[in-house]
Amino acid sequence: MKTETIKLIVKPNSTVSGVYGIYMNRIKIKLAAVPEKGKANKELIKFISGKTGIPKKNIKIIAGEKSIYKEISIKSDKDLNLTSRLVSS
């Protein structure tokens, strides 16, 4: 099992969820979920799982739980460059 760490900028409360390129060496993601009671964080994990095909249980927020600057850890059997998969899909 390999672990990859990805740095993100997450903007909750957007009209549509999606990936909006790279800014300051972080992947910029907009989420439709509101930033209260962990809803945006749950939506983020669900969104990344859908984009990468990796189960939600293998995706963890390891830094920035209450910040727009987040770091996530993704465990996977496959050797894949998740950053390029998120940005290109």
N, C-alpha and C. Protein backbone atom coordinates (compact mmCIF):
# COMPACT_ATOMS: atom_id res chain seq x y z
N MET A 1 0.85 -1.19 0.00
CA MET A 1 0.00 0.00 0.00
C MET A 1 0.89 1.25 0.00
N LYS A 2 0.71 2.09 -0.98
CA LYS A 2 1.48 3.33 -1.05
C LYS A 2 0.64 4.48 -0.54
N THR A 3 1.31 5.48 0.04
CA THR A 3 0.61 6.66 0.53
C THR A 3 1.13 7.88 -0.23
N GLU A 4 0.20 8.67 -0.71
CA GLU A 4 0.56 9.91 -1.40
C GLU A 4 -0.10 11.07 -0.66
N THR A 5 0.66 12.15 -0.47
CA THR A 5 0.13 13.34 0.18
C THR A 5 -0.06 14.43 -0.87
N ILE A 6 -1.23 15.06 -0.82
CA ILE A 6 -1.53 16.11 -1.79
C ILE A 6 -1.95 17.36 -1.04
N LYS A 7 -1.42 18.51 -1.47
CA LYS A 7 -1.80 19.79 -0.86
C LYS A 7 -2.90 20.43 -1.70
N LEU A 8 -3.89 20.98 -1.01
CA LEU A 8 -5.06 21.55 -1.69
C LEU A 8 -5.38 22.94 -1.17
N ILE A 9 -6.06 23.70 -2.00
CA ILE A 9 -6.79 24.90 -1.56
C ILE A 9 -8.24 24.56 -1.85
N VAL A 10 -9.06 24.61 -0.82
CA VAL A 10 -10.46 24.21 -0.97
C VAL A 10 -11.36 25.41 -0.70
N LYS A 11 -12.21 25.71 -1.66
CA LYS A 11 -13.16 26.81 -1.50
C LYS A 11 -14.57 26.22 -1.41
N PRO A 12 -15.12 26.18 -0.20
CA PRO A 12 -16.49 25.66 -0.05
C PRO A 12 -17.53 26.69 -0.47
N ASN A 13 -18.78 26.28 -0.47
CA ASN A 13 -19.90 27.19 -0.74
C ASN A 13 -19.89 27.73 -2.18
N SER A 14 -19.35 26.96 -3.12
CA SER A 14 -19.33 27.36 -4.53
C SER A 14 -20.60 26.84 -5.20
N THR A 15 -20.86 27.32 -6.40
CA THR A 15 -22.07 26.86 -7.09
C THR A 15 -21.92 25.43 -7.59
N VAL A 16 -20.70 25.07 -8.03
CA VAL A 16 -20.45 23.73 -8.58
C VAL A 16 -19.14 23.20 -8.01
N SER A 17 -19.10 21.89 -7.74
CA SER A 17 -17.85 21.27 -7.29
C SER A 17 -16.98 20.95 -8.49
N GLY A 18 -15.67 21.21 -8.35
CA GLY A 18 -14.77 20.90 -9.45
C GLY A 18 -13.34 21.25 -9.12
N VAL A 19 -12.42 20.84 -10.00
CA VAL A 19 -11.00 21.15 -9.87
C VAL A 19 -10.70 22.35 -10.76
N TYR A 20 -10.01 23.34 -10.20
CA TYR A 20 -9.75 24.58 -10.93
C TYR A 20 -8.27 24.86 -11.05
N GLY A 21 -7.49 23.84 -11.43
CA GLY A 21 -6.07 24.03 -11.70
C GLY A 21 -5.19 24.01 -10.47
N ILE A 22 -3.99 24.57 -10.63
CA ILE A 22 -3.01 24.59 -9.55
C ILE A 22 -2.68 26.03 -9.23
N TYR A 23 -2.63 26.35 -7.93
CA TYR A 23 -2.33 27.70 -7.46
C TYR A 23 -1.42 27.55 -6.25
N MET A 24 -0.29 28.24 -6.24
CA MET A 24 0.66 28.18 -5.12
C MET A 24 1.06 26.73 -4.80
N ASN A 25 1.34 25.94 -5.80
CA ASN A 25 1.73 24.52 -5.63
C ASN A 25 0.68 23.67 -4.94
N ARG A 26 -0.56 24.10 -5.00
CA ARG A 26 -1.66 23.33 -4.43
C ARG A 26 -2.74 23.18 -5.49
N ILE A 27 -3.46 22.07 -5.44
CA ILE A 27 -4.59 21.87 -6.35
C ILE A 27 -5.77 22.67 -5.79
N LYS A 28 -6.38 23.49 -6.65
CA LYS A 28 -7.51 24.30 -6.21
C LYS A 28 -8.81 23.55 -6.51
N ILE A 29 -9.60 23.33 -5.47
CA ILE A 29 -10.87 22.62 -5.60
C ILE A 29 -11.98 23.48 -5.03
N LYS A 30 -13.06 23.61 -5.80
CA LYS A 30 -14.25 24.29 -5.30
C LYS A 30 -15.30 23.24 -4.97
N LEU A 31 -16.00 23.44 -3.86
CA LEU A 31 -17.02 22.49 -3.42
C LEU A 31 -18.35 23.20 -3.23
N ALA A 32 -19.42 22.50 -3.58
CA ALA A 32 -20.76 23.06 -3.40
C ALA A 32 -21.20 23.00 -1.93
N ALA A 33 -20.56 22.18 -1.12
CA ALA A 33 -20.97 22.00 0.28
C ALA A 33 -20.65 23.24 1.12
N VAL A 34 -21.43 23.41 2.18
CA VAL A 34 -21.20 24.53 3.11
C VAL A 34 -20.16 24.13 4.16
N PRO A 35 -19.37 25.11 4.62
CA PRO A 35 -18.30 24.80 5.58
C PRO A 35 -18.79 24.78 7.03
N GLU A 36 -19.73 23.91 7.35
CA GLU A 36 -20.18 23.83 8.74
C GLU A 36 -20.38 22.38 9.14
N LYS A 37 -20.01 22.07 10.35
CA LYS A 37 -20.14 20.71 10.92
C LYS A 37 -19.45 19.66 10.06
N GLY A 38 -18.35 20.01 9.42
CA GLY A 38 -17.57 19.05 8.65
C GLY A 38 -18.17 18.65 7.31
N LYS A 39 -19.24 19.33 6.88
CA LYS A 39 -19.90 18.95 5.62
C LYS A 39 -18.97 19.12 4.41
N ALA A 40 -18.21 20.22 4.38
CA ALA A 40 -17.31 20.45 3.24
C ALA A 40 -16.18 19.42 3.23
N ASN A 41 -15.68 19.04 4.40
CA ASN A 41 -14.61 18.03 4.46
C ASN A 41 -15.12 16.67 3.97
N LYS A 42 -16.34 16.30 4.35
CA LYS A 42 -16.93 15.04 3.87
C LYS A 42 -17.12 15.08 2.36
N GLU A 43 -17.60 16.22 1.87
CA GLU A 43 -17.81 16.39 0.43
C GLU A 43 -16.47 16.31 -0.32
N LEU A 44 -15.43 16.89 0.27
CA LEU A 44 -14.09 16.84 -0.35
C LEU A 44 -13.62 15.40 -0.52
N ILE A 45 -13.75 14.60 0.52
CA ILE A 45 -13.32 13.20 0.47
C ILE A 45 -14.15 12.42 -0.57
N LYS A 46 -15.45 12.67 -0.58
CA LYS A 46 -16.34 12.02 -1.55
C LYS A 46 -15.96 12.43 -2.98
N PHE A 47 -15.69 13.71 -3.17
CA PHE A 47 -15.33 14.25 -4.48
C PHE A 47 -14.02 13.62 -4.99
N ILE A 48 -13.00 13.58 -4.13
CA ILE A 48 -11.71 13.02 -4.53
C ILE A 48 -11.84 11.53 -4.80
N SER A 49 -12.63 10.84 -4.00
CA SER A 49 -12.87 9.41 -4.22
C SER A 49 -13.50 9.18 -5.60
N GLY A 50 -14.48 10.01 -5.95
CA GLY A 50 -15.14 9.89 -7.25
C GLY A 50 -14.21 10.18 -8.41
N LYS A 51 -13.31 11.13 -8.24
CA LYS A 51 -12.38 11.52 -9.30
C LYS A 51 -11.28 10.48 -9.52
N THR A 52 -10.84 9.84 -8.42
CA THR A 52 -9.68 8.95 -8.51
C THR A 52 -10.05 7.47 -8.50
N GLY A 53 -11.28 7.16 -8.06
CA GLY A 53 -11.68 5.77 -7.95
C GLY A 53 -11.13 5.08 -6.71
N ILE A 54 -10.56 5.86 -5.81
CA ILE A 54 -10.02 5.30 -4.56
C ILE A 54 -11.09 5.36 -3.48
N PRO A 55 -11.28 4.28 -2.72
CA PRO A 55 -12.34 4.27 -1.69
C PRO A 55 -12.16 5.40 -0.66
N LYS A 56 -13.30 5.93 -0.20
CA LYS A 56 -13.29 7.04 0.76
C LYS A 56 -12.50 6.71 2.02
N LYS A 57 -12.54 5.44 2.45
CA LYS A 57 -11.84 5.06 3.68
C LYS A 57 -10.33 5.19 3.55
N ASN A 58 -9.80 5.28 2.32
CA ASN A 58 -8.36 5.42 2.09
C ASN A 58 -7.92 6.87 1.93
N ILE A 59 -8.85 7.81 2.12
CA ILE A 59 -8.55 9.24 1.97
C ILE A 59 -8.76 9.92 3.31
N LYS A 60 -7.72 10.61 3.79
CA LYS A 60 -7.81 11.27 5.10
C LYS A 60 -7.30 12.70 4.98
N ILE A 61 -7.96 13.62 5.70
CA ILE A 61 -7.45 14.98 5.80
C ILE A 61 -6.45 14.96 6.96
N ILE A 62 -5.18 15.26 6.66
CA ILE A 62 -4.16 15.19 7.70
C ILE A 62 -3.74 16.56 8.22
N ALA A 63 -4.13 17.63 7.52
CA ALA A 63 -3.83 18.99 7.98
C ALA A 63 -4.86 19.95 7.40
N GLY A 64 -5.21 20.97 8.17
CA GLY A 64 -6.10 22.02 7.68
C GLY A 64 -7.57 21.70 7.76
N GLU A 65 -7.96 20.92 8.76
CA GLU A 65 -9.36 20.53 8.93
C GLU A 65 -10.31 21.74 8.90
N LYS A 66 -9.88 22.86 9.49
CA LYS A 66 -10.73 24.05 9.54
C LYS A 66 -10.15 25.21 8.71
N SER A 67 -9.34 24.88 7.73
CA SER A 67 -8.69 25.89 6.90
C SER A 67 -8.98 25.62 5.43
N ILE A 68 -8.78 26.63 4.57
CA ILE A 68 -8.93 26.38 3.13
C ILE A 68 -7.68 25.67 2.60
N TYR A 69 -6.57 25.76 3.35
CA TYR A 69 -5.33 25.08 2.97
C TYR A 69 -5.32 23.72 3.65
N LYS A 70 -5.48 22.68 2.85
CA LYS A 70 -5.59 21.32 3.39
C LYS A 70 -4.51 20.42 2.82
N GLU A 71 -4.18 19.38 3.58
CA GLU A 71 -3.33 18.31 3.09
C GLU A 71 -4.09 17.02 3.27
N ILE A 72 -4.13 16.22 2.22
CA ILE A 72 -4.80 14.93 2.33
C ILE A 72 -3.80 13.82 2.07
N SER A 73 -4.07 12.69 2.69
CA SER A 73 -3.26 11.51 2.52
C SER A 73 -4.13 10.46 1.84
N ILE A 74 -3.61 9.87 0.77
CA ILE A 74 -4.36 8.87 0.02
C ILE A 74 -3.55 7.59 -0.03
N LYS A 75 -4.17 6.49 0.41
CA LYS A 75 -3.51 5.18 0.35
C LYS A 75 -4.07 4.42 -0.84
N SER A 76 -3.16 3.80 -1.59
CA SER A 76 -3.60 3.05 -2.77
C SER A 76 -2.62 1.93 -3.08
N ASP A 77 -3.14 0.84 -3.63
CA ASP A 77 -2.30 -0.27 -4.09
C ASP A 77 -1.60 0.12 -5.38
N LYS A 78 -2.27 0.93 -6.18
CA LYS A 78 -1.75 1.29 -7.50
C LYS A 78 -0.71 2.38 -7.36
N ASP A 79 0.23 2.38 -8.28
CA ASP A 79 1.25 3.43 -8.33
C ASP A 79 0.77 4.48 -9.32
N LEU A 80 0.03 5.47 -8.81
CA LEU A 80 -0.49 6.47 -9.73
C LEU A 80 -0.20 7.86 -9.23
N ASN A 81 0.03 8.74 -10.19
CA ASN A 81 0.27 10.13 -9.83
C ASN A 81 -1.09 10.81 -9.68
N LEU A 82 -1.56 10.86 -8.45
CA LEU A 82 -2.91 11.36 -8.19
C LEU A 82 -3.06 12.84 -8.50
N THR A 83 -2.00 13.60 -8.32
CA THR A 83 -2.07 15.03 -8.62
C THR A 83 -2.44 15.25 -10.08
N SER A 84 -1.75 14.57 -10.98
CA SER A 84 -2.06 14.77 -12.40
C SER A 84 -3.42 14.19 -12.75
N ARG A 85 -3.83 13.12 -12.08
CA ARG A 85 -5.17 12.55 -12.33
C ARG A 85 -6.26 13.50 -11.91
N LEU A 86 -6.08 14.17 -10.77
CA LEU A 86 -7.10 15.12 -10.30
C LEU A 86 -7.18 16.33 -11.22
N VAL A 87 -6.04 16.85 -11.63
CA VAL A 87 -6.02 18.07 -12.44
C VAL A 87 -6.50 17.80 -13.86
N SER A 88 -6.16 16.64 -14.42
CA SER A 88 -6.49 16.38 -15.82
C SER A 88 -7.91 15.86 -16.03
N SER A 89 -8.51 15.27 -15.00
CA SER A 89 -9.84 14.67 -15.22
C SER A 89 -10.95 15.67 -15.06
